Amino acid sequence: MNSFCKNITFFMLVQAITIIPLIASSSLEPDQGHLDDNSRLSLWYKTWHVHTVNDLSNNKTLLVHCKSRDDDLGIQNLTVGTEFNWKFRPRIFGGTLFWCYMAYDNLHAAFKVFWEDPSLYAKCNYGDCYWIARDDGIYLKDIPGERDEYYYDWELG
C-alpha cells in the first residue's frame, strides 16, 4: 500500500473516531429526562445544569458570582425565591470545575458547585445540581434522596 493510501486510511479512521461519538451525543435531549447509562463517556456528552437558589428569610438579597476556569458568569443579585442557573458540557479530557461566591448581609461563602465526582453526579441525578442558600448555610439538593444535604457554612466578614 503506498503512502497516499495509508494517509487516506488514517484520515478516515481519525474522522470515524471523532464523528461517531458526536453523532451518538446528538440524540441526547437534556429536557427529556436523564440517561440510564452513567458511564464516563456518556457524562462527557451530557448537558449539566447548575442552579443557585435564594432561600433566605426576611427578603434578603443574595449576591452570587460563579466561574469556571474558562468562563466568568457574572455577578447576580437574587431576590428570595429566585435562582440563577446555567448549563454546560464537561471538558472531554476532564477537569471541569465551577465554583461560586455567595454573600448576604455580612456573611459570605466560596465553594465548588460542580466538580468531577461520582457521588456529586448521583446527588445531582446525573444532570441538575441545585445549591440552596439558607440562613444557616448552603445546601445541595440530593434529588434521588429527595432531601437537602448541608454542605457549607457562612463565614463572617
N, C-alpha and C. Protein backbone atom coordinates (compact mmCIF):
# COMPACT_ATOMS: atom_id res chain seq x y z
N MET A 1 0.86 -1.17 0.00
CA MET A 1 0.00 0.00 0.00
C MET A 1 0.90 1.24 0.00
N ASN A 2 0.66 2.14 -0.92
CA ASN A 2 1.51 3.32 -0.98
C ASN A 2 1.18 4.31 0.13
N SER A 3 1.99 5.30 0.31
CA SER A 3 1.82 6.25 1.43
C SER A 3 0.54 7.07 1.28
N PHE A 4 0.11 7.37 0.05
CA PHE A 4 -1.13 8.11 -0.14
C PHE A 4 -2.31 7.31 0.42
N CYS A 5 -2.38 6.04 0.12
CA CYS A 5 -3.48 5.19 0.61
C CYS A 5 -3.41 5.07 2.13
N LYS A 6 -2.22 4.96 2.69
CA LYS A 6 -2.06 4.88 4.14
C LYS A 6 -2.55 6.17 4.80
N ASN A 7 -2.22 7.31 4.20
CA ASN A 7 -2.67 8.60 4.75
C ASN A 7 -4.18 8.74 4.68
N ILE A 8 -4.79 8.32 3.58
CA ILE A 8 -6.25 8.39 3.44
C ILE A 8 -6.91 7.47 4.46
N THR A 9 -6.39 6.26 4.62
CA THR A 9 -6.94 5.31 5.59
C THR A 9 -6.84 5.87 7.00
N PHE A 10 -5.70 6.44 7.33
CA PHE A 10 -5.51 7.04 8.65
C PHE A 10 -6.48 8.20 8.86
N PHE A 11 -6.63 9.06 7.86
CA PHE A 11 -7.55 10.19 7.95
C PHE A 11 -8.98 9.71 8.18
N MET A 12 -9.41 8.68 7.46
CA MET A 12 -10.77 8.16 7.62
C MET A 12 -10.97 7.56 9.00
N LEU A 13 -9.96 6.88 9.52
CA LEU A 13 -10.04 6.31 10.86
C LEU A 13 -10.18 7.40 11.91
N VAL A 14 -9.39 8.44 11.80
CA VAL A 14 -9.47 9.56 12.75
C VAL A 14 -10.85 10.22 12.67
N GLN A 15 -11.36 10.41 11.48
CA GLN A 15 -12.68 11.01 11.32
C GLN A 15 -13.76 10.14 11.95
N ALA A 16 -13.68 8.84 11.76
CA ALA A 16 -14.68 7.93 12.34
C ALA A 16 -14.62 7.98 13.87
N ILE A 17 -13.42 8.03 14.43
CA ILE A 17 -13.28 8.07 15.89
C ILE A 17 -13.86 9.34 16.47
N THR A 18 -13.73 10.46 15.77
CA THR A 18 -14.24 11.73 16.30
C THR A 18 -15.71 11.97 15.97
N ILE A 19 -16.19 11.48 14.85
CA ILE A 19 -17.56 11.76 14.45
C ILE A 19 -18.58 10.83 15.10
N ILE A 20 -18.27 9.57 15.26
CA ILE A 20 -19.24 8.62 15.82
C ILE A 20 -19.72 9.05 17.20
N PRO A 21 -18.85 9.44 18.15
CA PRO A 21 -19.37 9.90 19.45
C PRO A 21 -20.23 11.16 19.33
N LEU A 22 -19.91 12.04 18.40
CA LEU A 22 -20.72 13.25 18.22
C LEU A 22 -22.11 12.90 17.69
N ILE A 23 -22.18 11.95 16.79
CA ILE A 23 -23.48 11.53 16.29
C ILE A 23 -24.29 10.90 17.41
N ALA A 24 -23.63 10.07 18.22
CA ALA A 24 -24.32 9.44 19.34
C ALA A 24 -24.81 10.48 20.33
N SER A 25 -24.01 11.52 20.56
CA SER A 25 -24.40 12.53 21.55
C SER A 25 -25.52 13.43 21.04
N SER A 26 -25.69 13.52 19.73
CA SER A 26 -26.73 14.40 19.20
C SER A 26 -28.12 13.91 19.53
N SER A 27 -28.24 12.64 19.92
CA SER A 27 -29.55 12.11 20.28
C SER A 27 -29.92 12.40 21.72
N LEU A 28 -28.98 12.96 22.50
CA LEU A 28 -29.29 13.29 23.89
C LEU A 28 -30.20 14.50 23.93
N GLU A 29 -31.27 14.39 24.67
CA GLU A 29 -32.19 15.51 24.84
C GLU A 29 -32.30 15.79 26.32
N PRO A 30 -31.55 16.78 26.83
CA PRO A 30 -31.49 17.01 28.27
C PRO A 30 -32.83 17.31 28.91
N ASP A 31 -33.78 17.84 28.17
CA ASP A 31 -35.07 18.16 28.76
C ASP A 31 -36.03 16.97 28.76
N GLN A 32 -35.58 15.83 28.25
CA GLN A 32 -36.43 14.65 28.16
C GLN A 32 -36.09 13.63 29.23
N GLY A 33 -35.47 14.03 30.33
CA GLY A 33 -35.12 13.08 31.38
C GLY A 33 -33.64 12.83 31.39
N HIS A 34 -33.23 11.90 32.21
CA HIS A 34 -31.81 11.64 32.39
C HIS A 34 -31.42 10.32 31.76
N LEU A 35 -30.15 10.19 31.47
CA LEU A 35 -29.63 8.98 30.87
C LEU A 35 -29.61 7.85 31.88
N ASP A 36 -29.86 6.65 31.41
CA ASP A 36 -29.70 5.47 32.27
C ASP A 36 -28.26 5.03 32.28
N ASP A 37 -27.51 5.34 31.22
CA ASP A 37 -26.11 4.96 31.11
C ASP A 37 -25.25 6.08 31.68
N ASN A 38 -24.71 5.87 32.87
CA ASN A 38 -23.92 6.90 33.52
C ASN A 38 -22.43 6.63 33.39
N SER A 39 -22.03 6.03 32.30
CA SER A 39 -20.62 5.76 32.06
C SER A 39 -19.87 7.08 31.86
N ARG A 40 -18.58 7.00 31.97
CA ARG A 40 -17.74 8.19 31.81
C ARG A 40 -17.95 8.82 30.43
N LEU A 41 -18.06 8.00 29.39
CA LEU A 41 -18.25 8.53 28.05
C LEU A 41 -19.55 9.31 27.94
N SER A 42 -20.63 8.78 28.48
CA SER A 42 -21.91 9.49 28.37
C SER A 42 -21.90 10.78 29.16
N LEU A 43 -21.13 10.85 30.26
CA LEU A 43 -21.05 12.08 31.06
C LEU A 43 -20.34 13.19 30.29
N TRP A 44 -19.45 12.85 29.38
CA TRP A 44 -18.77 13.87 28.58
C TRP A 44 -19.73 14.60 27.67
N TYR A 45 -20.73 13.89 27.15
CA TYR A 45 -21.64 14.49 26.21
C TYR A 45 -22.93 14.96 26.85
N LYS A 46 -23.04 14.80 28.14
CA LYS A 46 -24.23 15.17 28.90
C LYS A 46 -24.25 16.68 29.11
N THR A 47 -25.41 17.28 28.97
CA THR A 47 -25.57 18.69 29.32
C THR A 47 -25.96 18.75 30.79
N TRP A 48 -25.16 19.44 31.57
CA TRP A 48 -25.41 19.59 33.01
C TRP A 48 -26.01 20.97 33.27
N HIS A 49 -26.82 21.07 34.32
CA HIS A 49 -27.42 22.32 34.75
C HIS A 49 -27.04 22.54 36.21
N VAL A 50 -26.59 23.74 36.52
CA VAL A 50 -26.32 24.12 37.91
C VAL A 50 -27.27 25.25 38.26
N HIS A 51 -27.93 25.13 39.41
CA HIS A 51 -28.90 26.12 39.89
C HIS A 51 -28.41 26.65 41.23
N THR A 52 -28.41 27.96 41.40
CA THR A 52 -28.15 28.57 42.70
C THR A 52 -29.45 29.27 43.10
N VAL A 53 -29.94 28.94 44.29
CA VAL A 53 -31.27 29.36 44.71
C VAL A 53 -31.19 30.19 45.99
N ASN A 54 -31.91 31.30 46.04
CA ASN A 54 -32.01 32.12 47.25
C ASN A 54 -33.22 31.66 48.05
N ASP A 55 -32.94 31.01 49.19
CA ASP A 55 -34.00 30.59 50.11
C ASP A 55 -33.76 31.24 51.49
N LEU A 56 -33.25 32.47 51.46
CA LEU A 56 -33.00 33.21 52.70
C LEU A 56 -34.32 33.77 53.24
N SER A 57 -34.31 34.11 54.52
CA SER A 57 -35.52 34.68 55.13
C SER A 57 -35.52 36.20 55.02
N ASN A 58 -36.62 36.79 55.38
CA ASN A 58 -36.77 38.26 55.51
C ASN A 58 -36.39 39.04 54.25
N ASN A 59 -36.71 38.51 53.09
CA ASN A 59 -36.47 39.21 51.83
C ASN A 59 -35.02 39.66 51.63
N LYS A 60 -34.06 38.86 52.08
CA LYS A 60 -32.65 39.20 51.91
C LYS A 60 -32.22 38.89 50.49
N THR A 61 -31.45 39.81 49.92
CA THR A 61 -30.91 39.62 48.58
C THR A 61 -29.60 38.84 48.68
N LEU A 62 -29.44 37.87 47.80
CA LEU A 62 -28.24 37.04 47.75
C LEU A 62 -27.39 37.45 46.56
N LEU A 63 -26.13 37.79 46.80
CA LEU A 63 -25.18 38.07 45.73
C LEU A 63 -24.54 36.75 45.35
N VAL A 64 -24.51 36.44 44.06
CA VAL A 64 -23.93 35.20 43.55
C VAL A 64 -22.97 35.56 42.42
N HIS A 65 -21.75 35.01 42.48
CA HIS A 65 -20.77 35.20 41.41
C HIS A 65 -20.13 33.84 41.14
N CYS A 66 -20.41 33.26 39.98
CA CYS A 66 -19.93 31.93 39.65
C CYS A 66 -18.96 31.98 38.47
N LYS A 67 -18.01 31.03 38.48
CA LYS A 67 -16.96 30.99 37.46
C LYS A 67 -16.53 29.55 37.20
N SER A 68 -15.86 29.38 36.07
CA SER A 68 -15.07 28.18 35.80
C SER A 68 -13.70 28.68 35.38
N ARG A 69 -12.84 27.77 35.02
CA ARG A 69 -11.52 28.17 34.53
C ARG A 69 -11.66 29.00 33.26
N ASP A 70 -12.68 28.69 32.45
CA ASP A 70 -12.85 29.34 31.16
C ASP A 70 -13.89 30.45 31.11
N ASP A 71 -14.85 30.43 32.04
CA ASP A 71 -15.98 31.35 31.95
C ASP A 71 -16.26 32.05 33.27
N ASP A 72 -16.49 33.34 33.20
CA ASP A 72 -16.97 34.12 34.33
C ASP A 72 -18.44 34.42 34.04
N LEU A 73 -19.33 33.89 34.87
CA LEU A 73 -20.76 34.01 34.62
C LEU A 73 -21.36 35.31 35.13
N GLY A 74 -20.54 36.17 35.71
CA GLY A 74 -21.00 37.48 36.14
C GLY A 74 -21.61 37.49 37.54
N ILE A 75 -21.84 38.68 38.03
CA ILE A 75 -22.44 38.86 39.36
C ILE A 75 -23.95 38.94 39.21
N GLN A 76 -24.65 38.18 40.05
CA GLN A 76 -26.11 38.14 40.04
C GLN A 76 -26.61 38.55 41.43
N ASN A 77 -27.67 39.30 41.48
CA ASN A 77 -28.33 39.61 42.75
C ASN A 77 -29.70 38.94 42.73
N LEU A 78 -29.86 37.94 43.59
CA LEU A 78 -31.08 37.14 43.60
C LEU A 78 -31.99 37.56 44.74
N THR A 79 -33.24 37.82 44.42
CA THR A 79 -34.23 38.07 45.47
C THR A 79 -34.71 36.71 45.99
N VAL A 80 -35.36 36.72 47.13
CA VAL A 80 -35.83 35.47 47.74
C VAL A 80 -36.75 34.73 46.78
N GLY A 81 -36.51 33.43 46.64
CA GLY A 81 -37.34 32.59 45.78
C GLY A 81 -36.90 32.53 44.33
N THR A 82 -35.84 33.25 43.98
CA THR A 82 -35.36 33.21 42.59
C THR A 82 -34.07 32.42 42.51
N GLU A 83 -33.66 32.13 41.29
CA GLU A 83 -32.44 31.36 41.09
C GLU A 83 -31.66 31.90 39.91
N PHE A 84 -30.38 31.59 39.90
CA PHE A 84 -29.50 31.81 38.76
C PHE A 84 -29.04 30.43 38.32
N ASN A 85 -29.14 30.13 37.03
CA ASN A 85 -28.72 28.81 36.56
C ASN A 85 -28.01 28.92 35.23
N TRP A 86 -27.26 27.90 34.91
CA TRP A 86 -26.56 27.82 33.64
C TRP A 86 -26.40 26.35 33.28
N LYS A 87 -26.05 26.13 32.01
CA LYS A 87 -25.82 24.77 31.55
C LYS A 87 -24.48 24.71 30.83
N PHE A 88 -23.93 23.51 30.77
CA PHE A 88 -22.62 23.31 30.16
C PHE A 88 -22.42 21.82 29.88
N ARG A 89 -21.39 21.54 29.13
CA ARG A 89 -20.94 20.16 28.94
C ARG A 89 -19.54 20.07 29.53
N PRO A 90 -19.26 18.98 30.24
CA PRO A 90 -17.92 18.82 30.84
C PRO A 90 -16.82 18.79 29.78
N ARG A 91 -15.62 19.14 30.22
CA ARG A 91 -14.46 19.09 29.34
C ARG A 91 -14.18 17.63 28.98
N ILE A 92 -13.89 17.35 27.73
CA ILE A 92 -13.70 15.98 27.27
C ILE A 92 -12.55 15.29 28.02
N PHE A 93 -11.49 16.00 28.29
CA PHE A 93 -10.35 15.38 28.94
C PHE A 93 -10.34 15.58 30.45
N GLY A 94 -11.50 15.92 31.02
CA GLY A 94 -11.63 16.04 32.47
C GLY A 94 -11.24 17.41 32.99
N GLY A 95 -11.40 17.56 34.28
CA GLY A 95 -11.02 18.79 34.94
C GLY A 95 -12.09 19.87 34.98
N THR A 96 -13.34 19.52 34.67
CA THR A 96 -14.41 20.52 34.72
C THR A 96 -14.65 20.92 36.17
N LEU A 97 -14.65 22.21 36.42
CA LEU A 97 -14.84 22.73 37.77
C LEU A 97 -15.54 24.08 37.67
N PHE A 98 -16.63 24.23 38.44
CA PHE A 98 -17.30 25.51 38.60
C PHE A 98 -17.33 25.81 40.09
N TRP A 99 -17.17 27.07 40.44
CA TRP A 99 -17.26 27.48 41.83
C TRP A 99 -18.02 28.79 41.91
N CYS A 100 -18.57 29.06 43.10
CA CYS A 100 -19.35 30.27 43.29
C CYS A 100 -18.95 30.97 44.59
N TYR A 101 -19.12 32.25 44.58
CA TYR A 101 -19.02 33.08 45.78
C TYR A 101 -20.44 33.58 46.03
N MET A 102 -20.92 33.42 47.26
CA MET A 102 -22.25 33.92 47.64
C MET A 102 -22.10 34.79 48.87
N ALA A 103 -22.93 35.83 48.95
CA ALA A 103 -22.86 36.72 50.11
C ALA A 103 -24.22 37.37 50.35
N TYR A 104 -24.48 37.64 51.62
CA TYR A 104 -25.64 38.45 52.02
C TYR A 104 -25.30 39.04 53.37
N ASP A 105 -25.88 40.20 53.66
CA ASP A 105 -25.58 40.93 54.89
C ASP A 105 -24.06 40.96 55.09
N ASN A 106 -23.57 40.45 56.22
CA ASN A 106 -22.14 40.44 56.49
C ASN A 106 -21.58 39.01 56.45
N LEU A 107 -22.24 38.12 55.72
CA LEU A 107 -21.83 36.72 55.62
C LEU A 107 -21.49 36.37 54.18
N HIS A 108 -20.55 35.44 54.01
CA HIS A 108 -20.17 35.03 52.66
C HIS A 108 -19.64 33.60 52.67
N ALA A 109 -19.57 33.01 51.48
CA ALA A 109 -19.01 31.67 51.30
C ALA A 109 -18.51 31.54 49.87
N ALA A 110 -17.42 30.82 49.70
CA ALA A 110 -16.89 30.49 48.37
C ALA A 110 -16.70 28.98 48.33
N PHE A 111 -17.20 28.34 47.28
CA PHE A 111 -17.19 26.88 47.27
C PHE A 111 -17.39 26.33 45.86
N LYS A 112 -17.04 25.06 45.67
CA LYS A 112 -17.23 24.37 44.41
C LYS A 112 -18.71 24.01 44.26
N VAL A 113 -19.26 24.21 43.05
CA VAL A 113 -20.64 23.81 42.78
C VAL A 113 -20.72 22.68 41.76
N PHE A 114 -19.65 22.45 41.01
CA PHE A 114 -19.58 21.29 40.13
C PHE A 114 -18.12 20.88 40.01
N TRP A 115 -17.87 19.60 40.23
CA TRP A 115 -16.56 19.01 40.06
C TRP A 115 -16.79 17.56 39.66
N GLU A 116 -15.75 16.92 39.19
CA GLU A 116 -15.89 15.56 38.70
C GLU A 116 -15.80 14.59 39.86
N ASP A 117 -16.97 14.08 40.25
CA ASP A 117 -17.06 13.17 41.39
C ASP A 117 -18.34 12.34 41.25
N PRO A 118 -18.23 11.02 41.20
CA PRO A 118 -19.41 10.18 41.03
C PRO A 118 -20.49 10.40 42.10
N SER A 119 -20.11 10.71 43.33
CA SER A 119 -21.14 10.94 44.36
C SER A 119 -21.90 12.24 44.08
N LEU A 120 -21.21 13.26 43.56
CA LEU A 120 -21.90 14.50 43.17
C LEU A 120 -22.85 14.22 42.00
N TYR A 121 -22.39 13.45 41.01
CA TYR A 121 -23.24 13.11 39.87
C TYR A 121 -24.54 12.48 40.36
N ALA A 122 -24.43 11.54 41.30
CA ALA A 122 -25.62 10.83 41.79
C ALA A 122 -26.55 11.79 42.53
N LYS A 123 -26.01 12.65 43.38
CA LYS A 123 -26.86 13.60 44.12
C LYS A 123 -27.56 14.56 43.17
N CYS A 124 -26.90 14.88 42.07
CA CYS A 124 -27.48 15.78 41.07
C CYS A 124 -28.33 15.02 40.06
N ASN A 125 -28.58 13.77 40.32
CA ASN A 125 -29.40 12.93 39.45
C ASN A 125 -28.89 12.96 38.01
N TYR A 126 -27.56 13.02 37.88
CA TYR A 126 -26.88 12.99 36.59
C TYR A 126 -27.38 14.07 35.64
N GLY A 127 -27.54 15.30 36.18
CA GLY A 127 -27.91 16.37 35.28
C GLY A 127 -28.22 17.71 35.89
N ASP A 128 -28.78 17.77 37.12
CA ASP A 128 -29.21 19.04 37.71
C ASP A 128 -28.69 19.17 39.14
N CYS A 129 -27.76 20.10 39.35
CA CYS A 129 -27.24 20.37 40.70
C CYS A 129 -27.93 21.63 41.24
N TYR A 130 -28.61 21.48 42.36
CA TYR A 130 -29.31 22.60 43.00
C TYR A 130 -28.59 22.98 44.28
N TRP A 131 -28.03 24.20 44.32
CA TRP A 131 -27.39 24.74 45.52
C TRP A 131 -28.34 25.77 46.11
N ILE A 132 -28.69 25.57 47.38
CA ILE A 132 -29.72 26.38 48.02
C ILE A 132 -29.10 27.14 49.19
N ALA A 133 -29.18 28.47 49.14
CA ALA A 133 -28.66 29.32 50.21
C ALA A 133 -29.77 29.57 51.23
N ARG A 134 -29.48 29.21 52.48
CA ARG A 134 -30.41 29.45 53.59
C ARG A 134 -29.67 30.20 54.69
N ASP A 135 -30.41 30.69 55.66
CA ASP A 135 -29.80 31.47 56.73
C ASP A 135 -28.72 30.69 57.49
N ASP A 136 -28.88 29.37 57.63
CA ASP A 136 -27.94 28.57 58.42
C ASP A 136 -26.86 27.90 57.60
N GLY A 137 -26.82 28.12 56.28
CA GLY A 137 -25.77 27.52 55.47
C GLY A 137 -26.22 27.28 54.04
N ILE A 138 -25.38 26.58 53.31
CA ILE A 138 -25.65 26.30 51.90
C ILE A 138 -25.82 24.80 51.74
N TYR A 139 -26.87 24.43 51.02
CA TYR A 139 -27.25 23.03 50.88
C TYR A 139 -27.21 22.60 49.43
N LEU A 140 -26.91 21.32 49.23
CA LEU A 140 -27.03 20.70 47.92
C LEU A 140 -28.25 19.80 47.96
N LYS A 141 -29.14 19.98 47.02
CA LYS A 141 -30.34 19.14 46.97
C LYS A 141 -29.95 17.76 46.45
N ASP A 142 -30.19 16.74 47.26
CA ASP A 142 -29.98 15.35 46.87
C ASP A 142 -31.26 14.91 46.18
N ILE A 143 -31.29 15.00 44.85
CA ILE A 143 -32.52 14.78 44.09
C ILE A 143 -33.06 13.36 44.28
N PRO A 144 -32.23 12.31 44.10
CA PRO A 144 -32.81 10.97 44.27
C PRO A 144 -33.26 10.72 45.71
N GLY A 145 -32.54 11.28 46.69
CA GLY A 145 -32.90 11.10 48.09
C GLY A 145 -34.01 12.02 48.56
N GLU A 146 -34.39 12.96 47.68
CA GLU A 146 -35.44 13.94 47.98
C GLU A 146 -35.22 14.65 49.31
N ARG A 147 -33.99 15.08 49.52
CA ARG A 147 -33.68 15.84 50.73
C ARG A 147 -32.56 16.82 50.40
N ASP A 148 -32.39 17.79 51.27
CA ASP A 148 -31.32 18.76 51.10
C ASP A 148 -30.19 18.38 52.05
N GLU A 149 -28.98 18.34 51.53
CA GLU A 149 -27.83 17.94 52.32
C GLU A 149 -26.98 19.17 52.64
N TYR A 150 -26.71 19.38 53.92
CA TYR A 150 -25.92 20.53 54.36
C TYR A 150 -24.50 20.40 53.82
N TYR A 151 -23.95 21.48 53.26
CA TYR A 151 -22.62 21.44 52.67
C TYR A 151 -21.66 22.50 53.21
N TYR A 152 -22.05 23.75 53.27
CA TYR A 152 -21.11 24.81 53.59
C TYR A 152 -21.69 25.77 54.63
N ASP A 153 -20.79 26.31 55.45
CA ASP A 153 -21.13 27.33 56.44
C ASP A 153 -20.92 28.72 55.84
N TRP A 154 -21.66 29.67 56.34
CA TRP A 154 -21.39 31.08 56.03
C TRP A 154 -20.23 31.52 56.91
N GLU A 155 -19.39 32.40 56.38
CA GLU A 155 -18.30 32.98 57.14
C GLU A 155 -18.61 34.43 57.39
N LEU A 156 -18.22 34.90 58.57
CA LEU A 156 -18.42 36.29 58.93
C LEU A 156 -17.32 37.13 58.30
N GLY A 157 -17.68 38.31 57.81
CA GLY A 157 -16.63 39.16 57.31
C GLY A 157 -17.04 40.02 56.23
